[in-house]
């Protein structure tokens, strides 16, 4: 299961998705840190099979969690060089979605 929230701002559709188990967690690694805020990632729970549909609607994606990032790479939305390891999780962002 994944947690998803869609944000609309200035003509952009930002799709924020995280692995459900990292929602509400903080990750630290030296100077790198990320907090997986419910207000940004936690609007609704979706099945993993729904991810492609939501990412296909996005102009910007923001992902946290090993499972969701791996799925986005396999679907062609994110390249491995866009993945940042922070503590025990991974984070990826993409501003353009070319598959």
N, C-alpha and C. Protein backbone atom coordinates (compact mmCIF):
# COMPACT_ATOMS: atom_id res chain seq x y z
N UNK A 1 0.83 -1.18 0.00
CA UNK A 1 0.00 0.00 0.00
C UNK A 1 0.88 1.25 0.00
N UNK A 2 0.36 2.28 -0.64
CA UNK A 2 1.07 3.55 -0.77
C UNK A 2 0.17 4.67 -0.28
N UNK A 3 0.78 5.77 0.15
CA UNK A 3 0.03 6.95 0.52
C UNK A 3 0.29 8.02 -0.53
N UNK A 4 -0.76 8.70 -0.96
CA UNK A 4 -0.68 9.64 -2.07
C UNK A 4 -1.43 10.92 -1.76
N UNK A 5 -0.88 12.02 -2.26
CA UNK A 5 -1.60 13.28 -2.24
C UNK A 5 -1.26 14.03 -3.53
N UNK A 6 -2.27 14.62 -4.13
CA UNK A 6 -2.09 15.41 -5.35
C UNK A 6 -2.24 16.88 -4.99
N UNK A 7 -1.26 17.65 -5.40
CA UNK A 7 -1.25 19.09 -5.14
C UNK A 7 -1.34 19.81 -6.49
N UNK A 8 -2.15 20.83 -6.56
CA UNK A 8 -2.26 21.65 -7.77
C UNK A 8 -1.77 23.05 -7.42
N UNK A 9 -0.79 23.54 -8.19
CA UNK A 9 -0.26 24.87 -7.91
C UNK A 9 0.37 25.44 -9.18
N UNK A 10 -0.02 26.66 -9.53
CA UNK A 10 0.58 27.39 -10.64
C UNK A 10 0.70 26.56 -11.91
N UNK A 11 -0.36 25.86 -12.25
CA UNK A 11 -0.38 25.06 -13.46
C UNK A 11 0.34 23.73 -13.37
N UNK A 12 0.86 23.41 -12.22
CA UNK A 12 1.57 22.14 -12.02
C UNK A 12 0.67 21.16 -11.28
N UNK A 13 0.86 19.89 -11.57
CA UNK A 13 0.22 18.82 -10.81
C UNK A 13 1.34 18.05 -10.12
N UNK A 14 1.45 18.24 -8.82
CA UNK A 14 2.49 17.60 -8.03
C UNK A 14 1.88 16.37 -7.38
N UNK A 15 2.45 15.21 -7.70
CA UNK A 15 1.98 13.96 -7.13
C UNK A 15 3.02 13.49 -6.13
N UNK A 16 2.64 13.46 -4.86
CA UNK A 16 3.52 13.03 -3.78
C UNK A 16 3.06 11.65 -3.32
N UNK A 17 3.99 10.70 -3.33
CA UNK A 17 3.65 9.32 -2.97
C UNK A 17 4.75 8.77 -2.06
N UNK A 18 4.34 8.02 -1.05
CA UNK A 18 5.32 7.35 -0.19
C UNK A 18 4.82 5.95 0.15
N UNK A 19 5.78 5.11 0.53
CA UNK A 19 5.41 3.81 1.09
C UNK A 19 4.61 4.10 2.37
N UNK A 20 3.53 3.41 2.57
CA UNK A 20 2.65 3.68 3.69
C UNK A 20 3.38 3.62 5.03
N UNK A 21 4.32 2.70 5.16
CA UNK A 21 5.00 2.54 6.44
C UNK A 21 5.97 3.67 6.77
N UNK A 22 6.33 4.53 5.81
CA UNK A 22 7.22 5.65 6.13
C UNK A 22 6.45 6.95 6.38
N UNK A 23 5.15 6.94 6.18
CA UNK A 23 4.33 8.13 6.40
C UNK A 23 4.45 8.58 7.86
N UNK A 24 4.81 9.84 8.06
CA UNK A 24 4.97 10.37 9.40
C UNK A 24 6.36 10.18 10.00
N UNK A 25 7.26 9.55 9.27
CA UNK A 25 8.61 9.28 9.78
C UNK A 25 9.60 10.37 9.39
N UNK A 26 10.71 10.44 10.14
CA UNK A 26 11.83 11.31 9.83
C UNK A 26 13.04 10.44 9.54
N UNK A 27 13.83 10.86 8.56
CA UNK A 27 15.05 10.14 8.21
C UNK A 27 16.20 11.14 8.16
N UNK A 28 17.32 10.75 8.79
CA UNK A 28 18.49 11.61 8.86
C UNK A 28 19.71 10.83 8.39
N UNK A 29 20.62 11.54 7.71
CA UNK A 29 21.89 10.95 7.28
C UNK A 29 22.87 12.10 7.12
N UNK A 30 23.58 12.41 8.19
CA UNK A 30 24.48 13.55 8.16
C UNK A 30 23.70 14.83 7.95
N UNK A 31 24.01 15.55 6.89
CA UNK A 31 23.33 16.81 6.56
C UNK A 31 21.99 16.58 5.85
N UNK A 32 21.79 15.39 5.33
CA UNK A 32 20.54 15.08 4.61
C UNK A 32 19.47 14.67 5.60
N UNK A 33 18.27 15.20 5.37
CA UNK A 33 17.14 14.80 6.21
C UNK A 33 15.86 14.96 5.42
N UNK A 34 14.90 14.12 5.75
CA UNK A 34 13.58 14.26 5.17
C UNK A 34 12.55 13.85 6.21
N UNK A 35 11.48 14.60 6.27
CA UNK A 35 10.36 14.25 7.11
C UNK A 35 9.16 14.01 6.19
N UNK A 36 8.56 12.86 6.33
CA UNK A 36 7.48 12.46 5.44
C UNK A 36 6.16 12.91 6.07
N UNK A 37 5.85 14.17 5.85
CA UNK A 37 4.68 14.79 6.47
C UNK A 37 3.37 14.23 5.93
N UNK A 38 2.46 13.96 6.84
CA UNK A 38 1.12 13.52 6.44
C UNK A 38 0.43 14.59 5.59
N UNK A 39 0.69 15.85 5.90
CA UNK A 39 0.05 16.94 5.16
C UNK A 39 0.50 17.00 3.70
N UNK A 40 1.67 16.46 3.39
CA UNK A 40 2.17 16.49 2.01
C UNK A 40 1.94 15.17 1.28
N UNK A 41 2.06 14.04 1.98
CA UNK A 41 1.98 12.72 1.37
C UNK A 41 0.72 11.93 1.74
N UNK A 42 -0.07 12.40 2.70
CA UNK A 42 -1.04 11.52 3.31
C UNK A 42 -2.50 11.76 3.06
N UNK A 43 -2.91 12.04 1.86
CA UNK A 43 -4.32 12.30 1.58
C UNK A 43 -5.14 11.02 1.44
N UNK A 44 -4.58 10.03 0.77
CA UNK A 44 -5.33 8.77 0.58
C UNK A 44 -4.39 7.59 0.38
N UNK A 45 -4.88 6.41 0.64
CA UNK A 45 -4.14 5.18 0.47
C UNK A 45 -4.53 4.56 -0.87
N UNK A 46 -3.51 4.15 -1.63
CA UNK A 46 -3.77 3.52 -2.92
C UNK A 46 -3.04 2.18 -2.99
N UNK A 47 -3.50 1.34 -3.89
CA UNK A 47 -2.84 0.07 -4.18
C UNK A 47 -1.65 0.34 -5.09
N UNK A 48 -0.64 -0.49 -5.02
CA UNK A 48 0.54 -0.31 -5.85
C UNK A 48 0.21 -0.32 -7.34
N UNK A 49 -0.78 -1.08 -7.74
CA UNK A 49 -1.17 -1.15 -9.14
C UNK A 49 -1.76 0.15 -9.69
N UNK A 50 -2.13 1.07 -8.82
CA UNK A 50 -2.69 2.35 -9.24
C UNK A 50 -1.63 3.42 -9.50
N UNK A 51 -0.39 3.15 -9.11
CA UNK A 51 0.66 4.17 -9.17
C UNK A 51 0.85 4.74 -10.57
N UNK A 52 0.92 3.91 -11.58
CA UNK A 52 1.17 4.36 -12.95
C UNK A 52 0.15 5.41 -13.38
N UNK A 53 -1.10 5.20 -13.07
CA UNK A 53 -2.16 6.14 -13.45
C UNK A 53 -1.92 7.52 -12.84
N UNK A 54 -1.59 7.56 -11.56
CA UNK A 54 -1.39 8.85 -10.90
C UNK A 54 -0.11 9.54 -11.36
N UNK A 55 0.97 8.79 -11.50
CA UNK A 55 2.20 9.40 -11.97
C UNK A 55 2.06 9.91 -13.41
N UNK A 56 1.23 9.26 -14.18
CA UNK A 56 0.99 9.70 -15.56
C UNK A 56 0.29 11.04 -15.65
N UNK A 57 -0.38 11.47 -14.60
CA UNK A 57 -1.08 12.75 -14.57
C UNK A 57 -0.19 13.88 -14.04
N UNK A 58 0.98 13.54 -13.51
CA UNK A 58 1.82 14.51 -12.82
C UNK A 58 2.71 15.30 -13.76
N UNK A 59 3.00 16.54 -13.37
CA UNK A 59 4.07 17.30 -14.01
C UNK A 59 5.31 17.29 -13.12
N UNK A 60 5.10 17.06 -11.83
CA UNK A 60 6.20 16.91 -10.87
C UNK A 60 5.85 15.75 -9.95
N UNK A 61 6.83 14.89 -9.70
CA UNK A 61 6.59 13.81 -8.74
C UNK A 61 7.59 13.91 -7.60
N UNK A 62 7.14 13.48 -6.42
CA UNK A 62 7.94 13.49 -5.22
C UNK A 62 7.67 12.16 -4.52
N UNK A 63 8.70 11.35 -4.35
CA UNK A 63 8.53 9.99 -3.85
C UNK A 63 9.44 9.72 -2.66
N UNK A 64 8.94 8.98 -1.69
CA UNK A 64 9.76 8.53 -0.56
C UNK A 64 9.42 7.08 -0.26
N UNK A 65 10.46 6.27 -0.15
CA UNK A 65 10.29 4.86 0.20
C UNK A 65 10.87 3.96 -0.88
N UNK A 66 11.48 2.89 -0.45
CA UNK A 66 12.15 1.98 -1.37
C UNK A 66 11.19 1.36 -2.38
N UNK A 67 10.03 0.96 -1.92
CA UNK A 67 9.08 0.28 -2.81
C UNK A 67 8.56 1.21 -3.90
N UNK A 68 8.09 2.41 -3.52
CA UNK A 68 7.53 3.32 -4.51
C UNK A 68 8.59 3.83 -5.48
N UNK A 69 9.80 4.08 -4.97
CA UNK A 69 10.86 4.55 -5.86
C UNK A 69 11.24 3.45 -6.85
N UNK A 70 11.38 2.21 -6.39
CA UNK A 70 11.68 1.10 -7.30
C UNK A 70 10.59 0.95 -8.37
N UNK A 71 9.34 1.09 -7.96
CA UNK A 71 8.23 0.97 -8.92
C UNK A 71 8.30 2.09 -9.95
N UNK A 72 8.58 3.32 -9.52
CA UNK A 72 8.65 4.46 -10.44
C UNK A 72 9.80 4.29 -11.43
N UNK A 73 10.90 3.71 -10.98
CA UNK A 73 12.02 3.43 -11.89
C UNK A 73 11.60 2.40 -12.92
N UNK A 74 10.98 1.31 -12.48
CA UNK A 74 10.54 0.26 -13.40
C UNK A 74 9.51 0.77 -14.40
N UNK A 75 8.66 1.70 -13.98
CA UNK A 75 7.64 2.27 -14.87
C UNK A 75 8.22 3.34 -15.80
N UNK A 76 9.46 3.76 -15.56
CA UNK A 76 10.11 4.73 -16.42
C UNK A 76 9.90 6.19 -16.05
N UNK A 77 9.40 6.46 -14.87
CA UNK A 77 9.17 7.84 -14.45
C UNK A 77 10.39 8.49 -13.81
N UNK A 78 11.27 7.69 -13.24
CA UNK A 78 12.44 8.18 -12.52
C UNK A 78 13.65 7.37 -12.95
N UNK A 79 14.77 8.05 -13.13
CA UNK A 79 16.02 7.32 -13.40
C UNK A 79 16.78 7.15 -12.09
N UNK A 80 17.60 6.14 -12.04
CA UNK A 80 18.34 5.81 -10.82
C UNK A 80 19.19 6.99 -10.34
N UNK A 81 19.67 7.81 -11.25
CA UNK A 81 20.52 8.94 -10.84
C UNK A 81 19.73 10.05 -10.14
N UNK A 82 18.42 9.95 -10.10
CA UNK A 82 17.57 10.91 -9.39
C UNK A 82 17.24 10.46 -7.97
N UNK A 83 17.80 9.31 -7.55
CA UNK A 83 17.47 8.72 -6.26
C UNK A 83 18.53 9.11 -5.22
N UNK A 84 18.05 9.59 -4.09
CA UNK A 84 18.91 10.01 -2.99
C UNK A 84 18.62 9.12 -1.78
N UNK A 85 19.65 8.52 -1.22
CA UNK A 85 19.49 7.72 -0.01
C UNK A 85 19.62 8.64 1.19
N UNK A 86 18.63 8.56 2.08
CA UNK A 86 18.63 9.36 3.30
C UNK A 86 18.34 8.40 4.45
N UNK A 87 19.34 8.10 5.22
CA UNK A 87 19.16 7.15 6.32
C UNK A 87 18.73 5.80 5.76
N UNK A 88 17.61 5.32 6.24
CA UNK A 88 17.14 4.00 5.84
C UNK A 88 16.06 4.05 4.77
N UNK A 89 15.94 5.16 4.07
CA UNK A 89 14.95 5.25 3.00
C UNK A 89 15.57 5.90 1.78
N UNK A 90 14.78 6.01 0.73
CA UNK A 90 15.22 6.69 -0.48
C UNK A 90 14.18 7.73 -0.87
N UNK A 91 14.64 8.74 -1.59
CA UNK A 91 13.79 9.86 -2.01
C UNK A 91 14.13 10.18 -3.47
N UNK A 92 13.11 10.45 -4.25
CA UNK A 92 13.32 10.83 -5.66
C UNK A 92 12.34 11.89 -6.05
N UNK A 93 12.80 12.80 -6.91
CA UNK A 93 11.95 13.84 -7.47
C UNK A 93 12.20 13.89 -8.98
N UNK A 94 11.19 14.25 -9.70
CA UNK A 94 11.34 14.45 -11.14
C UNK A 94 10.42 15.57 -11.55
N UNK A 95 10.96 16.51 -12.33
CA UNK A 95 10.17 17.65 -12.77
C UNK A 95 9.54 17.41 -14.13
N UNK A 96 10.13 16.57 -14.92
CA UNK A 96 9.55 16.23 -16.21
C UNK A 96 9.46 14.72 -16.28
N UNK A 97 8.39 14.26 -16.84
CA UNK A 97 8.15 12.81 -16.87
C UNK A 97 8.22 12.31 -18.29
N UNK A 98 9.39 11.91 -18.70
CA UNK A 98 9.54 11.37 -20.04
C UNK A 98 9.80 9.88 -19.92
N UNK A 99 8.99 9.10 -20.63
CA UNK A 99 9.11 7.64 -20.56
C UNK A 99 9.52 7.11 -21.90
